[in-house]
Amino acid sequence: MERYAWRAKLKPGKREEYCRRHDQIWESMKQTLKEAGICNYSIWIVDNDIFGYYECEKGIEFAAKVQAESDIVKCWNEYMKDVMEMELDKKTGSQPLMTEVFRLD
């Protein structure tokens, strides 16, 4: 199972709204993530920094492809633009792939 991590920044004063939107995440968005093979997904916040982590049952490339082709994901990303800033990889349209440097199993 491949793992994926991403990071972003909250816009000032948007933490509460960011959390509210995730408390009410669309069922269609959850379904799309599951179809992409994404599981064990969690998002963490400290100050205005956001860190996300998930595992890809079908591989990172498959998960990225499903998300890139999904109208639901495009709508979600548009919906979230006013509360967060995320740098996207120009090649994949996803968050830049982070390099894992340590893991304790």
PDB file of N, CA and C in Angstrom:
ATOM      1  N   MET A   1       0.849  -1.175   0.000  1.00  0.00           N
ATOM      2  CA  MET A   1       0.000   0.000   0.000  1.00  0.00           C
ATOM      3  C   MET A   1       0.894   1.238   0.000  1.00  0.00           C
ATOM      4  N   GLU A   2       0.633   2.126  -0.938  1.00  0.00           N
ATOM      5  CA  GLU A   2       1.396   3.373  -0.996  1.00  0.00           C
ATOM      6  C   GLU A   2       0.740   4.429  -0.107  1.00  0.00           C
ATOM      7  N   ARG A   3       1.574   5.294   0.434  1.00  0.00           N
ATOM      8  CA  ARG A   3       1.095   6.366   1.296  1.00  0.00           C
ATOM      9  C   ARG A   3       1.333   7.715   0.609  1.00  0.00           C
ATOM     10  N   TYR A   4       0.491   8.671   0.950  1.00  0.00           N
ATOM     11  CA  TYR A   4       0.560   9.985   0.333  1.00  0.00           C
ATOM     12  C   TYR A   4       0.338  11.042   1.406  1.00  0.00           C
ATOM     13  N   ALA A   5       1.135  12.090   1.375  1.00  0.00           N
ATOM     14  CA  ALA A   5       0.982  13.198   2.315  1.00  0.00           C
ATOM     15  C   ALA A   5       0.961  14.503   1.529  1.00  0.00           C
ATOM     16  N   TRP A   6       0.237  15.475   2.043  1.00  0.00           N
ATOM     17  CA  TRP A   6       0.161  16.784   1.400  1.00  0.00           C
ATOM     18  C   TRP A   6       0.092  17.872   2.465  1.00  0.00           C
ATOM     19  N   ARG A   7       0.345  19.101   2.018  1.00  0.00           N
ATOM     20  CA  ARG A   7       0.285  20.228   2.940  1.00  0.00           C
ATOM     21  C   ARG A   7      -0.349  21.422   2.248  1.00  0.00           C
ATOM     22  N   ALA A   8      -0.890  22.311   3.053  1.00  0.00           N
ATOM     23  CA  ALA A   8      -1.506  23.530   2.537  1.00  0.00           C
ATOM     24  C   ALA A   8      -1.555  24.553   3.672  1.00  0.00           C
ATOM     25  N   LYS A   9      -2.027  25.726   3.339  1.00  0.00           N
ATOM     26  CA  LYS A   9      -2.167  26.806   4.320  1.00  0.00           C
ATOM     27  C   LYS A   9      -3.609  27.264   4.372  1.00  0.00           C
ATOM     28  N   LEU A  10      -4.088  27.512   5.579  1.00  0.00           N
ATOM     29  CA  LEU A  10      -5.391  28.131   5.740  1.00  0.00           C
ATOM     30  C   LEU A  10      -5.246  29.623   5.507  1.00  0.00           C
ATOM     31  N   LYS A  11      -6.242  30.201   4.906  1.00  0.00           N
ATOM     32  CA  LYS A  11      -6.272  31.651   4.791  1.00  0.00           C
ATOM     33  C   LYS A  11      -6.613  32.210   6.172  1.00  0.00           C
ATOM     34  N   PRO A  12      -6.121  33.403   6.489  1.00  0.00           N
ATOM     35  CA  PRO A  12      -6.361  33.971   7.823  1.00  0.00           C
ATOM     36  C   PRO A  12      -7.846  34.002   8.185  1.00  0.00           C
ATOM     37  N   GLY A  13      -8.136  33.547   9.406  1.00  0.00           N
ATOM     38  CA  GLY A  13      -9.493  33.558   9.917  1.00  0.00           C
ATOM     39  C   GLY A  13     -10.416  32.490   9.353  1.00  0.00           C
ATOM     40  N   LYS A  14      -9.892  31.506   8.630  1.00  0.00           N
ATOM     41  CA  LYS A  14     -10.732  30.511   7.951  1.00  0.00           C
ATOM     42  C   LYS A  14     -10.711  29.119   8.590  1.00  0.00           C
ATOM     43  N   ARG A  15     -10.046  28.981   9.716  1.00  0.00           N
ATOM     44  CA  ARG A  15      -9.942  27.655  10.346  1.00  0.00           C
ATOM     45  C   ARG A  15     -11.316  27.064  10.671  1.00  0.00           C
ATOM     46  N   GLU A  16     -12.165  27.844  11.321  1.00  0.00           N
ATOM     47  CA  GLU A  16     -13.484  27.340  11.701  1.00  0.00           C
ATOM     48  C   GLU A  16     -14.290  26.912  10.475  1.00  0.00           C
ATOM     49  N   GLU A  17     -14.243  27.693   9.413  1.00  0.00           N
ATOM     50  CA  GLU A  17     -14.983  27.359   8.194  1.00  0.00           C
ATOM     51  C   GLU A  17     -14.409  26.107   7.535  1.00  0.00           C
ATOM     52  N   TYR A  18     -13.097  25.997   7.506  1.00  0.00           N
ATOM     53  CA  TYR A  18     -12.446  24.807   6.944  1.00  0.00           C
ATOM     54  C   TYR A  18     -12.926  23.551   7.685  1.00  0.00           C
ATOM     55  N   CYS A  19     -12.924  23.604   9.000  1.00  0.00           N
ATOM     56  CA  CYS A  19     -13.363  22.457   9.802  1.00  0.00           C
ATOM     57  C   CYS A  19     -14.840  22.172   9.576  1.00  0.00           C
ATOM     58  N   ARG A  20     -15.675  23.214   9.514  1.00  0.00           N
ATOM     59  CA  ARG A  20     -17.106  23.035   9.290  1.00  0.00           C
ATOM     60  C   ARG A  20     -17.365  22.309   7.972  1.00  0.00           C
ATOM     61  N   ARG A  21     -16.646  22.718   6.927  1.00  0.00           N
ATOM     62  CA  ARG A  21     -16.845  22.087   5.615  1.00  0.00           C
ATOM     63  C   ARG A  21     -16.461  20.615   5.640  1.00  0.00           C
ATOM     64  N   HIS A  22     -15.443  20.270   6.394  1.00  0.00           N
ATOM     65  CA  HIS A  22     -15.060  18.862   6.483  1.00  0.00           C
ATOM     66  C   HIS A  22     -16.008  18.070   7.381  1.00  0.00           C
ATOM     67  N   ASP A  23     -16.616  18.743   8.354  1.00  0.00           N
ATOM     68  CA  ASP A  23     -17.651  18.079   9.155  1.00  0.00           C
ATOM     69  C   ASP A  23     -18.860  17.740   8.285  1.00  0.00           C
ATOM     70  N   GLN A  24     -19.035  18.504   7.208  1.00  0.00           N
ATOM     71  CA  GLN A  24     -20.186  18.323   6.317  1.00  0.00           C
ATOM     72  C   GLN A  24     -19.743  17.903   4.911  1.00  0.00           C
ATOM     73  N   ILE A  25     -18.631  17.188   4.830  1.00  0.00           N
ATOM     74  CA  ILE A  25     -18.094  16.797   3.516  1.00  0.00           C
ATOM     75  C   ILE A  25     -19.169  16.055   2.709  1.00  0.00           C
ATOM     76  N   TRP A  26     -19.215  16.340   1.442  1.00  0.00           N
ATOM     77  CA  TRP A  26     -20.217  15.740   0.561  1.00  0.00           C
ATOM     78  C   TRP A  26     -20.032  14.221   0.497  1.00  0.00           C
ATOM     79  N   GLU A  27     -21.145  13.514   0.515  1.00  0.00           N
ATOM     80  CA  GLU A  27     -21.096  12.051   0.366  1.00  0.00           C
ATOM     81  C   GLU A  27     -20.482  11.675  -0.982  1.00  0.00           C
ATOM     82  N   SER A  28     -20.773  12.465  -2.010  1.00  0.00           N
ATOM     83  CA  SER A  28     -20.200  12.181  -3.333  1.00  0.00           C
ATOM     84  C   SER A  28     -18.681  12.335  -3.328  1.00  0.00           C
ATOM     85  N   MET A  29     -18.161  13.234  -2.515  1.00  0.00           N
ATOM     86  CA  MET A  29     -16.711  13.399  -2.406  1.00  0.00           C
ATOM     87  C   MET A  29     -16.101  12.188  -1.695  1.00  0.00           C
ATOM     88  N   LYS A  30     -16.741  11.753  -0.612  1.00  0.00           N
ATOM     89  CA  LYS A  30     -16.254  10.554   0.091  1.00  0.00           C
ATOM     90  C   LYS A  30     -16.242   9.353  -0.850  1.00  0.00           C
ATOM     91  N   GLN A  31     -17.311   9.201  -1.623  1.00  0.00           N
ATOM     92  CA  GLN A  31     -17.411   8.072  -2.546  1.00  0.00           C
ATOM     93  C   GLN A  31     -16.311   8.127  -3.603  1.00  0.00           C
ATOM     94  N   THR A  32     -16.035   9.310  -4.125  1.00  0.00           N
ATOM     95  CA  THR A  32     -14.980   9.469  -5.128  1.00  0.00           C
ATOM     96  C   THR A  32     -13.627   9.076  -4.551  1.00  0.00           C
ATOM     97  N   LEU A  33     -13.355   9.505  -3.330  1.00  0.00           N
ATOM     98  CA  LEU A  33     -12.084   9.144  -2.687  1.00  0.00           C
ATOM     99  C   LEU A  33     -11.980   7.628  -2.517  1.00  0.00           C
ATOM    100  N   LYS A  34     -13.072   6.998  -2.123  1.00  0.00           N
ATOM    101  CA  LYS A  34     -13.065   5.536  -1.972  1.00  0.00           C
ATOM    102  C   LYS A  34     -12.857   4.849  -3.317  1.00  0.00           C
ATOM    103  N   GLU A  35     -13.496   5.364  -4.366  1.00  0.00           N
ATOM    104  CA  GLU A  35     -13.311   4.791  -5.704  1.00  0.00           C
ATOM    105  C   GLU A  35     -11.859   4.936  -6.169  1.00  0.00           C
ATOM    106  N   ALA A  36     -11.191   5.970  -5.675  1.00  0.00           N
ATOM    107  CA  ALA A  36      -9.780   6.184  -6.017  1.00  0.00           C
ATOM    108  C   ALA A  36      -8.857   5.270  -5.218  1.00  0.00           C
ATOM    109  N   GLY A  37      -9.443   4.473  -4.313  1.00  0.00           N
ATOM    110  CA  GLY A  37      -8.635   3.563  -3.500  1.00  0.00           C
ATOM    111  C   GLY A  37      -8.026   4.235  -2.287  1.00  0.00           C
ATOM    112  N   ILE A  38      -8.539   5.401  -1.931  1.00  0.00           N
ATOM    113  CA  ILE A  38      -8.004   6.156  -0.795  1.00  0.00           C
ATOM    114  C   ILE A  38      -8.671   5.686   0.490  1.00  0.00           C
ATOM    115  N   CYS A  39      -7.831   5.410   1.487  1.00  0.00           N
ATOM    116  CA  CYS A  39      -8.334   4.997   2.792  1.00  0.00           C
ATOM    117  C   CYS A  39      -7.416   5.553   3.874  1.00  0.00           C
ATOM    118  N   ASN A  40      -7.839   5.380   5.110  1.00  0.00           N
ATOM    119  CA  ASN A  40      -7.064   5.855   6.258  1.00  0.00           C
ATOM    120  C   ASN A  40      -6.640   7.316   6.058  1.00  0.00           C
ATOM    121  N   TYR A  41      -7.595   8.137   5.669  1.00  0.00           N
ATOM    122  CA  TYR A  41      -7.345   9.543   5.347  1.00  0.00           C
ATOM    123  C   TYR A  41      -7.552  10.394   6.595  1.00  0.00           C
ATOM    124  N   SER A  42      -6.579  11.211   6.912  1.00  0.00           N
ATOM    125  CA  SER A  42      -6.727  12.139   8.029  1.00  0.00           C
ATOM    126  C   SER A  42      -6.094  13.479   7.663  1.00  0.00           C
ATOM    127  N   ILE A  43      -6.635  14.532   8.266  1.00  0.00           N
ATOM    128  CA  ILE A  43      -6.125  15.882   8.050  1.00  0.00           C
ATOM    129  C   ILE A  43      -5.860  16.486   9.421  1.00  0.00           C
ATOM    130  N   TRP A  44      -4.728  17.160   9.542  1.00  0.00           N
ATOM    131  CA  TRP A  44      -4.289  17.758  10.800  1.00  0.00           C
ATOM    132  C   TRP A  44      -4.069  19.253  10.591  1.00  0.00           C
ATOM    133  N   ILE A  45      -4.306  20.032  11.642  1.00  0.00           N
ATOM    134  CA  ILE A  45      -4.091  21.477  11.579  1.00  0.00           C
ATOM    135  C   ILE A  45      -3.262  21.920  12.780  1.00  0.00           C
ATOM    136  N   VAL A  46      -2.300  22.797  12.522  1.00  0.00           N
ATOM    137  CA  VAL A  46      -1.600  23.523  13.573  1.00  0.00           C
ATOM    138  C   VAL A  46      -1.453  24.955  13.066  1.00  0.00           C
ATOM    139  N   ASP A  47      -1.907  25.901  13.859  1.00  0.00           N
ATOM    140  CA  ASP A  47      -1.940  27.304  13.439  1.00  0.00           C
ATOM    141  C   ASP A  47      -2.680  27.386  12.101  1.00  0.00           C
ATOM    142  N   ASN A  48      -2.015  27.878  11.053  1.00  0.00           N
ATOM    143  CA  ASN A  48      -2.638  27.956   9.728  1.00  0.00           C
ATOM    144  C   ASN A  48      -2.092  26.897   8.770  1.00  0.00           C
ATOM    145  N   ASP A  49      -1.345  25.949   9.306  1.00  0.00           N
ATOM    146  CA  ASP A  49      -0.779  24.891   8.474  1.00  0.00           C
ATOM    147  C   ASP A  49      -1.686  23.664   8.504  1.00  0.00           C
ATOM    148  N   ILE A  50      -1.933  23.103   7.328  1.00  0.00           N
ATOM    149  CA  ILE A  50      -2.750  21.900   7.198  1.00  0.00           C
ATOM    150  C   ILE A  50      -1.850  20.787   6.665  1.00  0.00           C
ATOM    151  N   PHE A  51      -1.994  19.603   7.237  1.00  0.00           N
ATOM    152  CA  PHE A  51      -1.250  18.432   6.781  1.00  0.00           C
ATOM    153  C   PHE A  51      -2.241  17.292   6.588  1.00  0.00           C
ATOM    154  N   GLY A  52      -2.215  16.667   5.424  1.00  0.00           N
ATOM    155  CA  GLY A  52      -3.082  15.540   5.144  1.00  0.00           C
ATOM    156  C   GLY A  52      -2.271  14.290   4.847  1.00  0.00           C
ATOM    157  N   TYR A  53      -2.847  13.153   5.188  1.00  0.00           N
ATOM    158  CA  TYR A  53      -2.202  11.864   4.950  1.00  0.00           C
ATOM    159  C   TYR A  53      -3.268  10.853   4.557  1.00  0.00           C
ATOM    160  N   TYR A  54      -2.961  10.043   3.543  1.00  0.00           N
ATOM    161  CA  TYR A  54      -3.844   8.924   3.229  1.00  0.00           C
ATOM    162  C   TYR A  54      -3.050   7.792   2.616  1.00  0.00           C
ATOM    163  N   GLU A  55      -3.699   6.630   2.589  1.00  0.00           N
ATOM    164  CA  GLU A  55      -3.107   5.444   1.989  1.00  0.00           C
ATOM    165  C   GLU A  55      -3.857   5.124   0.712  1.00  0.00           C
ATOM    166  N   CYS A  56      -3.129   4.603  -0.258  1.00  0.00           N
ATOM    167  CA  CYS A  56      -3.688   4.337  -1.591  1.00  0.00           C
ATOM    168  C   CYS A  56      -3.676   2.833  -1.844  1.00  0.00           C
ATOM    169  N   GLU A  57      -4.837   2.218  -1.745  1.00  0.00           N
ATOM    170  CA  GLU A  57      -4.947   0.771  -1.950  1.00  0.00           C
ATOM    171  C   GLU A  57      -4.616   0.371  -3.383  1.00  0.00           C
ATOM    172  N   LYS A  58      -4.854   1.276  -4.325  1.00  0.00           N
ATOM    173  CA  LYS A  58      -4.619   0.979  -5.739  1.00  0.00           C
ATOM    174  C   LYS A  58      -3.428   1.755  -6.289  1.00  0.00           C
ATOM    175  N   GLY A  59      -2.648   2.368  -5.421  1.00  0.00           N
ATOM    176  CA  GLY A  59      -1.465   3.111  -5.822  1.00  0.00           C
ATOM    177  C   GLY A  59      -1.720   4.607  -5.958  1.00  0.00           C
ATOM    178  N   ILE A  60      -0.662   5.371  -5.780  1.00  0.00           N
ATOM    179  CA  ILE A  60      -0.739   6.834  -5.848  1.00  0.00           C
ATOM    180  C   ILE A  60      -1.151   7.290  -7.238  1.00  0.00           C
ATOM    181  N   GLU A  61      -0.595   6.687  -8.273  1.00  0.00           N
ATOM    182  CA  GLU A  61      -0.922   7.106  -9.642  1.00  0.00           C
ATOM    183  C   GLU A  61      -2.403   6.917  -9.944  1.00  0.00           C
ATOM    184  N   PHE A  62      -2.966   5.793  -9.525  1.00  0.00           N
ATOM    185  CA  PHE A  62      -4.387   5.549  -9.746  1.00  0.00           C
ATOM    186  C   PHE A  62      -5.228   6.569  -8.983  1.00  0.00           C
ATOM    187  N   ALA A  63      -4.889   6.801  -7.722  1.00  0.00           N
ATOM    188  CA  ALA A  63      -5.635   7.769  -6.909  1.00  0.00           C
ATOM    189  C   ALA A  63      -5.584   9.160  -7.538  1.00  0.00           C
ATOM    190  N   ALA A  64      -4.418   9.561  -8.013  1.00  0.00           N
ATOM    191  CA  ALA A  64      -4.266  10.877  -8.644  1.00  0.00           C
ATOM    192  C   ALA A  64      -5.090  10.963  -9.929  1.00  0.00           C
ATOM    193  N   LYS A  65      -5.074   9.897 -10.715  1.00  0.00           N
ATOM    194  CA  LYS A  65      -5.817   9.879 -11.984  1.00  0.00           C
ATOM    195  C   LYS A  65      -7.323  10.002 -11.749  1.00  0.00           C
ATOM    196  N   VAL A  66      -7.846   9.229 -10.815  1.00  0.00           N
ATOM    197  CA  VAL A  66      -9.279   9.281 -10.517  1.00  0.00           C
ATOM    198  C   VAL A  66      -9.665  10.680 -10.052  1.00  0.00           C
ATOM    199  N   GLN A  67      -8.858  11.249  -9.169  1.00  0.00           N
ATOM    200  CA  GLN A  67      -9.163  12.589  -8.668  1.00  0.00           C
ATOM    201  C   GLN A  67      -9.075  13.642  -9.776  1.00  0.00           C
ATOM    202  N   ALA A  68      -8.059  13.533 -10.633  1.00  0.00           N
ATOM    203  CA  ALA A  68      -7.874  14.511 -11.710  1.00  0.00           C
ATOM    204  C   ALA A  68      -9.025  14.487 -12.708  1.00  0.00           C
ATOM    205  N   GLU A  69      -9.633  13.321 -12.877  1.00  0.00           N
ATOM    206  CA  GLU A  69     -10.723  13.172 -13.848  1.00  0.00           C
ATOM    207  C   GLU A  69     -12.106  13.382 -13.241  1.00  0.00           C
ATOM    208  N   SER A  70     -12.172  13.635 -11.949  1.00  0.00           N
ATOM    209  CA  SER A  70     -13.454  13.723 -11.249  1.00  0.00           C
ATOM    210  C   SER A  70     -14.012  15.148 -11.220  1.00  0.00           C
ATOM    211  N   ASP A  71     -15.230  15.300 -11.706  1.00  0.00           N
ATOM    212  CA  ASP A  71     -15.913  16.589 -11.617  1.00  0.00           C
ATOM    213  C   ASP A  71     -16.220  16.941 -10.167  1.00  0.00           C
ATOM    214  N   ILE A  72     -16.471  15.932  -9.339  1.00  0.00           N
ATOM    215  CA  ILE A  72     -16.745  16.160  -7.918  1.00  0.00           C
ATOM    216  C   ILE A  72     -15.520  16.772  -7.247  1.00  0.00           C
ATOM    217  N   VAL A  73     -14.350  16.222  -7.520  1.00  0.00           N
ATOM    218  CA  VAL A  73     -13.115  16.746  -6.926  1.00  0.00           C
ATOM    219  C   VAL A  73     -12.854  18.166  -7.423  1.00  0.00           C
ATOM    220  N   LYS A  74     -13.106  18.416  -8.697  1.00  0.00           N
ATOM    221  CA  LYS A  74     -12.929  19.774  -9.234  1.00  0.00           C
ATOM    222  C   LYS A  74     -13.850  20.753  -8.508  1.00  0.00           C
ATOM    223  N   CYS A  75     -15.096  20.369  -8.280  1.00  0.00           N
ATOM    224  CA  CYS A  75     -16.048  21.223  -7.560  1.00  0.00           C
ATOM    225  C   CYS A  75     -15.598  21.438  -6.115  1.00  0.00           C
ATOM    226  N   TRP A  76     -15.133  20.367  -5.472  1.00  0.00           N
ATOM    227  CA  TRP A  76     -14.661  20.475  -4.082  1.00  0.00           C
ATOM    228  C   TRP A  76     -13.471  21.431  -4.008  1.00  0.00           C
ATOM    229  N   ASN A  77     -12.524  21.277  -4.917  1.00  0.00           N
ATOM    230  CA  ASN A  77     -11.350  22.158  -4.908  1.00  0.00           C
ATOM    231  C   ASN A  77     -11.758  23.620  -5.103  1.00  0.00           C
ATOM    232  N   GLU A  78     -12.704  23.856  -5.972  1.00  0.00           N
ATOM    233  CA  GLU A  78     -13.205  25.219  -6.196  1.00  0.00           C
ATOM    234  C   GLU A  78     -13.888  25.739  -4.922  1.00  0.00           C
ATOM    235  N   TYR A  79     -14.676  24.887  -4.293  1.00  0.00           N
ATOM    236  CA  TYR A  79     -15.387  25.217  -3.060  1.00  0.00           C
ATOM    237  C   TYR A  79     -14.415  25.594  -1.937  1.00  0.00           C
ATOM    238  N   MET A  80     -13.248  24.982  -1.917  1.00  0.00           N
ATOM    239  CA  MET A  80     -12.293  25.191  -0.831  1.00  0.00           C
ATOM    240  C   MET A  80     -11.318  26.349  -1.083  1.00  0.00           C
ATOM    241  N   LYS A  81     -11.301  26.900  -2.283  1.00  0.00           N
ATOM    242  CA  LYS A  81     -10.337  27.953  -2.626  1.00  0.00           C
ATOM    243  C   LYS A  81     -10.408  29.182  -1.729  1.00  0.00           C
ATOM    244  N   ASP A  82     -11.584  29.499  -1.209  1.00  0.00           N
ATOM    245  CA  ASP A  82     -11.692  30.710  -0.393  1.00  0.00           C
ATOM    246  C   ASP A  82     -11.239  30.515   1.052  1.00  0.00           C
ATOM    247  N   VAL A  83     -10.949  29.280   1.456  1.00  0.00           N
ATOM    248  CA  VAL A  83     -10.504  29.046   2.826  1.00  0.00           C
ATOM    249  C   VAL A  83      -9.065  28.533   2.935  1.00  0.00           C
ATOM    250  N   MET A  84      -8.499  28.104   1.820  1.00  0.00           N
ATOM    251  CA  MET A  84      -7.139  27.553   1.886  1.00  0.00           C
ATOM    252  C   MET A  84      -6.348  27.849   0.624  1.00  0.00           C
ATOM    253  N   GLU A  85      -5.042  27.798   0.770  1.00  0.00           N
ATOM    254  CA  GLU A  85      -4.131  27.957  -0.355  1.00  0.00           C
ATOM    255  C   GLU A  85      -3.334  26.676  -0.500  1.00  0.00           C
ATOM    256  N   MET A  86      -3.351  26.119  -1.693  1.00  0.00           N
ATOM    257  CA  MET A  86      -2.638  24.872  -1.929  1.00  0.00           C
ATOM    258  C   MET A  86      -1.862  24.975  -3.236  1.00  0.00           C
ATOM    259  N   GLU A  87      -0.597  24.709  -3.145  1.00  0.00           N
ATOM    260  CA  GLU A  87       0.256  24.693  -4.323  1.00  0.00           C
ATOM    261  C   GLU A  87       0.069  23.353  -5.024  1.00  0.00           C
ATOM    262  N   LEU A  88      -0.267  23.385  -6.302  1.00  0.00           N
ATOM    263  CA  LEU A  88      -0.481  22.152  -7.053  1.00  0.00           C
ATOM    264  C   LEU A  88       0.670  21.891  -8.022  1.00  0.00           C
ATOM    265  N   ASP A  89       0.958  20.626  -8.235  1.00  0.00           N
ATOM    266  CA  ASP A  89       1.958  20.206  -9.197  1.00  0.00           C
ATOM    267  C   ASP A  89       1.391  20.440 -10.598  1.00  0.00           C
ATOM    268  N   LYS A  90       2.094  21.183 -11.421  1.00  0.00           N
ATOM    269  CA  LYS A  90       1.604  21.511 -12.767  1.00  0.00           C
ATOM    270  C   LYS A  90       1.428  20.264 -13.636  1.00  0.00           C
ATOM    271  N   LYS A  91       2.239  19.257 -13.402  1.00  0.00           N
ATOM    272  CA  LYS A  91       2.185  18.035 -14.206  1.00  0.00           C
ATOM    273  C   LYS A  91       0.961  17.171 -13.865  1.00  0.00           C
ATOM    274  N   THR A  92       0.699  17.012 -12.566  1.00  0.00           N
ATOM    275  CA  THR A  92      -0.369  16.100 -12.145  1.00  0.00           C
ATOM    276  C   THR A  92      -1.666  16.810 -11.768  1.00  0.00           C
ATOM    277  N   GLY A  93      -1.589  18.094 -11.453  1.00  0.00           N
ATOM    278  CA  GLY A  93      -2.766  18.817 -10.988  1.00  0.00           C
ATOM    279  C   GLY A  93      -3.103  18.492  -9.537  1.00  0.00           C
ATOM    280  N   SER A  94      -2.255  17.698  -8.889  1.00  0.00           N
ATOM    281  CA  SER A  94      -2.432  17.329  -7.484  1.00  0.00           C
ATOM    282  C   SER A  94      -1.388  18.047  -6.638  1.00  0.00           C
ATOM    283  N   GLN A  95      -1.471  17.814  -5.352  1.00  0.00           N
ATOM    284  CA  GLN A  95      -0.467  18.359  -4.465  1.00  0.00           C
ATOM    285  C   GLN A  95       0.884  17.729  -4.798  1.00  0.00           C
ATOM    286  N   PRO A  96       1.976  18.492  -4.661  1.00  0.00           N
ATOM    287  CA  PRO A  96       3.288  17.911  -4.935  1.00  0.00           C
ATOM    288  C   PRO A  96       3.546  16.691  -4.045  1.00  0.00           C
ATOM    289  N   LEU A  97       4.136  15.673  -4.624  1.00  0.00           N
ATOM    290  CA  LEU A  97       4.452  14.445  -3.889  1.00  0.00           C
ATOM    291  C   LEU A  97       5.552  14.729  -2.879  1.00  0.00           C
ATOM    292  N   MET A  98       5.288  14.444  -1.621  1.00  0.00           N
ATOM    293  CA  MET A  98       6.282  14.624  -0.568  1.00  0.00           C
ATOM    294  C   MET A  98       7.137  13.369  -0.483  1.00  0.00           C
ATOM    295  N   THR A  99       8.367  13.526  -0.038  1.00  0.00           N
ATOM    296  CA  THR A  99       9.288  12.413   0.103  1.00  0.00           C
ATOM    297  C   THR A  99       9.279  11.920   1.547  1.00  0.00           C
ATOM    298  N   GLU A 100       8.984  10.651   1.722  1.00  0.00           N
ATOM    299  CA  GLU A 100       9.013  10.065   3.060  1.00  0.00           C
ATOM    300  C   GLU A 100      10.465   9.860   3.475  1.00  0.00           C
ATOM    301  N   VAL A 101      10.818  10.330   4.679  1.00  0.00           N
ATOM    302  CA  VAL A 101      12.185  10.189   5.148  1.00  0.00           C
ATOM    303  C   VAL A 101      12.315   9.286   6.372  1.00  0.00           C
ATOM    304  N   PHE A 102      11.185   8.957   7.008  1.00  0.00           N
ATOM    305  CA  PHE A 102      11.231   8.084   8.176  1.00  0.00           C
ATOM    306  C   PHE A 102       9.875   7.426   8.366  1.00  0.00           C
ATOM    307  N   ARG A 103       9.912   6.172   8.790  1.00  0.00           N
ATOM    308  CA  ARG A 103       8.684   5.456   9.142  1.00  0.00           C
ATOM    309  C   ARG A 103       9.019   4.415  10.196  1.00  0.00           C
ATOM    310  N   LEU A 104       8.190   4.341  11.202  1.00  0.00           N
ATOM    311  CA  LEU A 104       8.320   3.330  12.247  1.00  0.00           C
ATOM    312  C   LEU A 104       7.125   2.403  12.144  1.00  0.00           C
ATOM    313  N   ASP A 105       7.354   1.166  11.759  1.00  0.00           N
ATOM    314  CA  ASP A 105       6.266   0.188  11.658  1.00  0.00           C
ATOM    315  C   ASP A 105       6.165  -0.612  12.945  1.00  0.00           C
TER     316      ASP A 105
END
